[in-house]
Protein backbone atom coordinates (compact mmCIF):
# COMPACT_ATOMS: atom_id res chain seq x y z
CA MET A 1 -6.84 -67.67 29.56
CA ILE A 2 -7.16 -70.72 31.78
CA GLU A 3 -7.96 -74.00 30.05
CA ALA A 4 -10.09 -76.71 31.64
CA GLY A 5 -8.28 -79.43 29.69
CA ARG A 6 -4.91 -78.47 31.13
CA LEU A 7 -6.35 -78.58 34.66
CA ILE A 8 -7.86 -82.01 34.06
CA ALA A 9 -4.43 -83.23 32.94
CA LEU A 10 -2.73 -81.71 36.00
CA LEU A 11 -5.29 -83.30 38.33
CA ALA A 12 -5.22 -86.72 36.66
CA HIS A 13 -2.37 -87.90 38.89
CA HIS A 14 -3.35 -86.03 42.06
CA ARG A 15 -3.18 -88.20 45.18
CA ALA A 16 -5.86 -87.39 47.71
CA ALA A 17 -4.93 -87.49 51.39
CA ASP A 18 -8.30 -88.75 52.63
CA PRO A 19 -11.79 -89.72 51.41
CA GLU A 20 -13.03 -86.11 51.64
CA GLU A 21 -10.29 -84.87 49.34
CA GLU A 22 -10.89 -87.81 46.99
CA ALA A 23 -14.58 -86.87 46.78
CA SER A 24 -13.63 -83.24 46.08
CA LEU A 25 -11.19 -84.33 43.38
CA LEU A 26 -13.87 -86.37 41.60
CA LYS A 27 -16.35 -83.46 41.81
CA ILE A 28 -13.78 -81.04 40.37
CA LEU A 29 -12.88 -83.36 37.50
CA LYS A 30 -16.57 -83.87 36.68
CA PHE A 31 -17.25 -80.12 36.91
CA LEU A 32 -14.31 -79.29 34.63
CA SER A 33 -15.44 -81.91 32.11
CA LEU A 34 -19.13 -80.99 32.01
CA SER A 35 -19.50 -77.31 32.86
CA PRO A 36 -19.55 -74.90 29.92
CA GLY A 37 -18.17 -72.12 32.15
CA PRO A 38 -16.12 -73.58 35.01
CA PHE A 39 -14.30 -70.26 35.67
CA ASP A 40 -17.35 -67.98 35.26
CA ARG A 41 -18.49 -66.36 38.52
CA GLY A 42 -21.98 -66.18 37.01
CA ASN A 43 -22.20 -69.98 36.79
CA PRO A 44 -25.07 -70.86 39.19
CA GLU A 45 -23.49 -74.20 40.15
CA GLY A 46 -20.16 -72.63 41.12
CA HIS A 47 -16.70 -71.98 39.76
CA ILE A 48 -13.04 -72.90 40.01
CA THR A 49 -11.08 -70.90 42.59
CA GLY A 50 -7.39 -70.80 43.43
CA SER A 51 -5.81 -70.56 46.85
CA ALA A 52 -2.41 -71.06 48.44
CA VAL A 53 -1.20 -72.78 51.55
CA VAL A 54 1.57 -70.30 52.35
CA ALA A 55 4.19 -71.58 54.76
CA ARG A 56 7.44 -70.39 56.19
CA PRO A 57 10.22 -72.12 54.21
CA ASP A 58 10.79 -74.56 57.10
CA GLY A 59 7.05 -75.32 57.41
CA GLY A 60 6.97 -73.96 60.97
CA ALA A 61 4.11 -71.51 60.42
CA PHE A 62 1.29 -70.89 57.97
CA LEU A 63 -0.33 -67.70 56.72
CA LEU A 64 -4.09 -67.59 57.31
CA VAL A 65 -6.66 -64.87 56.71
CA HIS A 66 -9.79 -64.32 58.78
CA HIS A 67 -12.39 -64.08 56.03
CA ARG A 68 -14.80 -61.22 56.65
CA ARG A 69 -17.88 -62.71 55.03
CA LEU A 70 -17.42 -66.34 56.10
CA ASP A 71 -16.09 -65.46 59.58
CA ARG A 72 -13.48 -68.23 59.44
CA TRP A 73 -9.71 -68.58 59.27
CA LEU A 74 -8.77 -69.81 55.80
CA GLN A 75 -5.83 -69.94 53.45
CA PRO A 76 -5.69 -66.90 51.13
CA GLY A 77 -7.37 -67.36 47.77
CA GLY A 78 -10.23 -66.44 45.53
CA HIS A 79 -11.76 -66.17 42.09
CA THR A 80 -9.95 -66.51 38.81
CA ASP A 81 -9.66 -63.42 36.64
CA PRO A 82 -9.67 -63.58 32.82
CA GLU A 83 -6.10 -62.25 32.72
CA ASP A 84 -4.75 -64.99 35.03
CA ALA A 85 -2.44 -67.32 33.09
CA ASP A 86 -3.50 -70.29 35.22
CA VAL A 87 -5.03 -71.10 38.60
CA LEU A 88 -1.61 -70.94 40.27
CA ALA A 89 -1.36 -67.33 39.08
CA THR A 90 -4.80 -66.75 40.62
CA ALA A 91 -3.66 -68.16 43.95
CA LEU A 92 -0.44 -66.10 44.09
CA ARG A 93 -2.29 -62.92 43.06
CA GLU A 94 -4.88 -63.48 45.78
CA VAL A 95 -2.16 -64.03 48.40
CA LEU A 96 -0.60 -60.70 47.47
CA GLU A 97 -3.95 -58.88 47.36
CA GLU A 98 -5.22 -60.29 50.67
CA THR A 99 -2.02 -60.26 52.73
CA GLY A 100 0.61 -58.11 50.99
CA VAL A 101 2.95 -61.14 50.88
CA ARG A 102 4.76 -62.26 47.72
CA ALA A 103 4.70 -66.04 47.97
CA GLN A 104 6.82 -68.40 45.87
CA PRO A 105 5.31 -71.67 44.60
CA VAL A 106 6.95 -74.85 45.85
CA GLU A 107 5.77 -77.17 43.09
CA ALA A 108 6.98 -76.48 39.57
CA GLY A 109 4.54 -76.91 36.72
CA GLY A 110 1.49 -75.43 38.43
CA ARG A 111 0.28 -78.68 39.96
CA PRO A 112 -2.30 -78.29 42.76
CA PHE A 113 -1.19 -79.52 46.17
CA ASP A 114 -4.67 -80.06 47.64
CA VAL A 115 -8.27 -79.76 46.41
CA ASP A 116 -11.54 -78.98 48.14
CA VAL A 117 -15.15 -78.34 47.17
CA HIS A 118 -17.13 -76.24 49.62
CA PRO A 119 -20.43 -74.33 49.62
CA ILE A 120 -20.54 -70.54 49.65
CA PRO A 121 -23.65 -69.05 51.27
CA ALA A 122 -26.02 -66.89 49.28
CA ARG A 123 -25.70 -63.13 49.49
CA LYS A 124 -27.34 -60.18 47.80
CA GLY A 125 -27.46 -60.87 44.07
CA GLU A 126 -25.64 -64.21 44.36
CA PRO A 127 -27.22 -67.61 45.08
CA GLU A 128 -25.57 -70.27 47.20
CA HIS A 129 -22.96 -71.98 45.03
CA LEU A 130 -19.84 -74.13 45.20
CA HIS A 131 -16.18 -73.20 45.13
CA PHE A 132 -14.14 -75.87 43.39
CA ASP A 133 -10.87 -74.87 45.04
CA LEU A 134 -7.42 -75.80 43.79
CA ARG A 135 -4.83 -75.23 46.50
CA PHE A 136 -1.16 -74.68 45.78
CA LEU A 137 1.78 -74.89 48.15
CA ALA A 138 3.92 -71.76 48.44
CA THR A 139 6.45 -70.31 50.84
CA ALA A 140 7.23 -66.82 52.07
CA SER A 141 9.64 -65.27 54.56
CA GLU A 142 8.03 -61.82 54.74
CA THR A 143 6.99 -60.59 58.17
CA THR A 144 5.06 -57.46 57.16
CA LEU A 145 1.40 -58.29 56.61
CA THR A 146 -1.14 -55.91 55.09
CA PRO A 147 -4.68 -57.26 55.40
CA GLN A 148 -7.28 -55.92 53.01
CA PRO A 149 -10.23 -54.79 55.17
CA GLU A 150 -12.83 -55.27 52.43
CA GLU A 151 -12.14 -59.03 52.41
CA THR A 152 -10.30 -59.94 55.59
CA ARG A 153 -10.58 -59.08 59.26
CA ASP A 154 -7.07 -60.21 60.08
CA VAL A 155 -3.98 -61.91 58.67
CA ARG A 156 -1.60 -63.91 60.85
CA TRP A 157 1.06 -66.58 60.87
CA PHE A 158 0.00 -69.70 62.83
CA THR A 159 1.83 -72.86 63.79
CA LEU A 160 -0.05 -76.05 62.97
CA GLU A 161 -0.96 -76.41 66.66
CA GLU A 162 -2.28 -72.82 66.79
CA ALA A 163 -4.36 -73.43 63.64
CA ARG A 164 -5.91 -76.44 65.33
CA ALA A 165 -6.56 -74.41 68.49
CA ILE A 166 -8.44 -71.65 66.63
CA GLY A 167 -10.72 -74.24 65.04
CA ALA A 168 -9.54 -73.94 61.45
CA ASP A 169 -11.73 -75.81 58.97
CA PRO A 170 -10.88 -79.56 58.72
CA SER A 171 -9.98 -79.27 55.04
CA VAL A 172 -7.64 -76.35 55.82
CA LEU A 173 -6.00 -78.40 58.58
CA ARG A 174 -5.59 -81.32 56.16
CA ALA A 175 -3.78 -79.02 53.71
CA LEU A 176 -1.59 -77.55 56.47
CA GLU A 177 -0.67 -81.02 57.71
CA LYS A 178 0.22 -82.12 54.17
CA ALA A 179 2.33 -79.00 53.72
CA SER A 180 4.12 -79.55 57.03
CA ARG A 181 5.04 -83.12 56.05
CA HIS A 182 6.14 -82.06 52.57
CA LEU A 183 8.30 -79.16 53.72
CA SER A 184 9.95 -81.18 56.52
CA LYS A 185 11.26 -83.62 53.86
CA ARG A 186 13.06 -80.89 51.88
């Protein structure tokens, strides 16, 4: 069972890369503090999600999924499940489910690497709501990718330049750039 208090503690020392990430961080902390059900998909305001920026160990390429419903290239991720030990477990499970890749977290202790709050459009039986996304940095060397057609149209490895060229979301690019800098220092 994921605990909001533990996430608040993990995020207390998070350093945002830009004003947009800082605004997302403040929204997430407020949401975790005030929402009675921050992980509940039925929460009309939104819910906490977990995703992973999956890179090659040298940071030379990043794993992105073309999301079927949103029609955008994004990092793999999704909703927390009650059996997930923490949001990092959510992110790694979603990577495996969406891509077939077993990613390894880079940061010990389950600390998020990047945060983002973004709207999800309404669909049948679900109003527009927010995803309060905690992003974790992970690496993988696997070359075999198995996209899940019910969620993704495609799964591919992209260099940072290729991700820019396909028009990846600015917050995704921010996370990829942070990951590239971090992994080049190792």
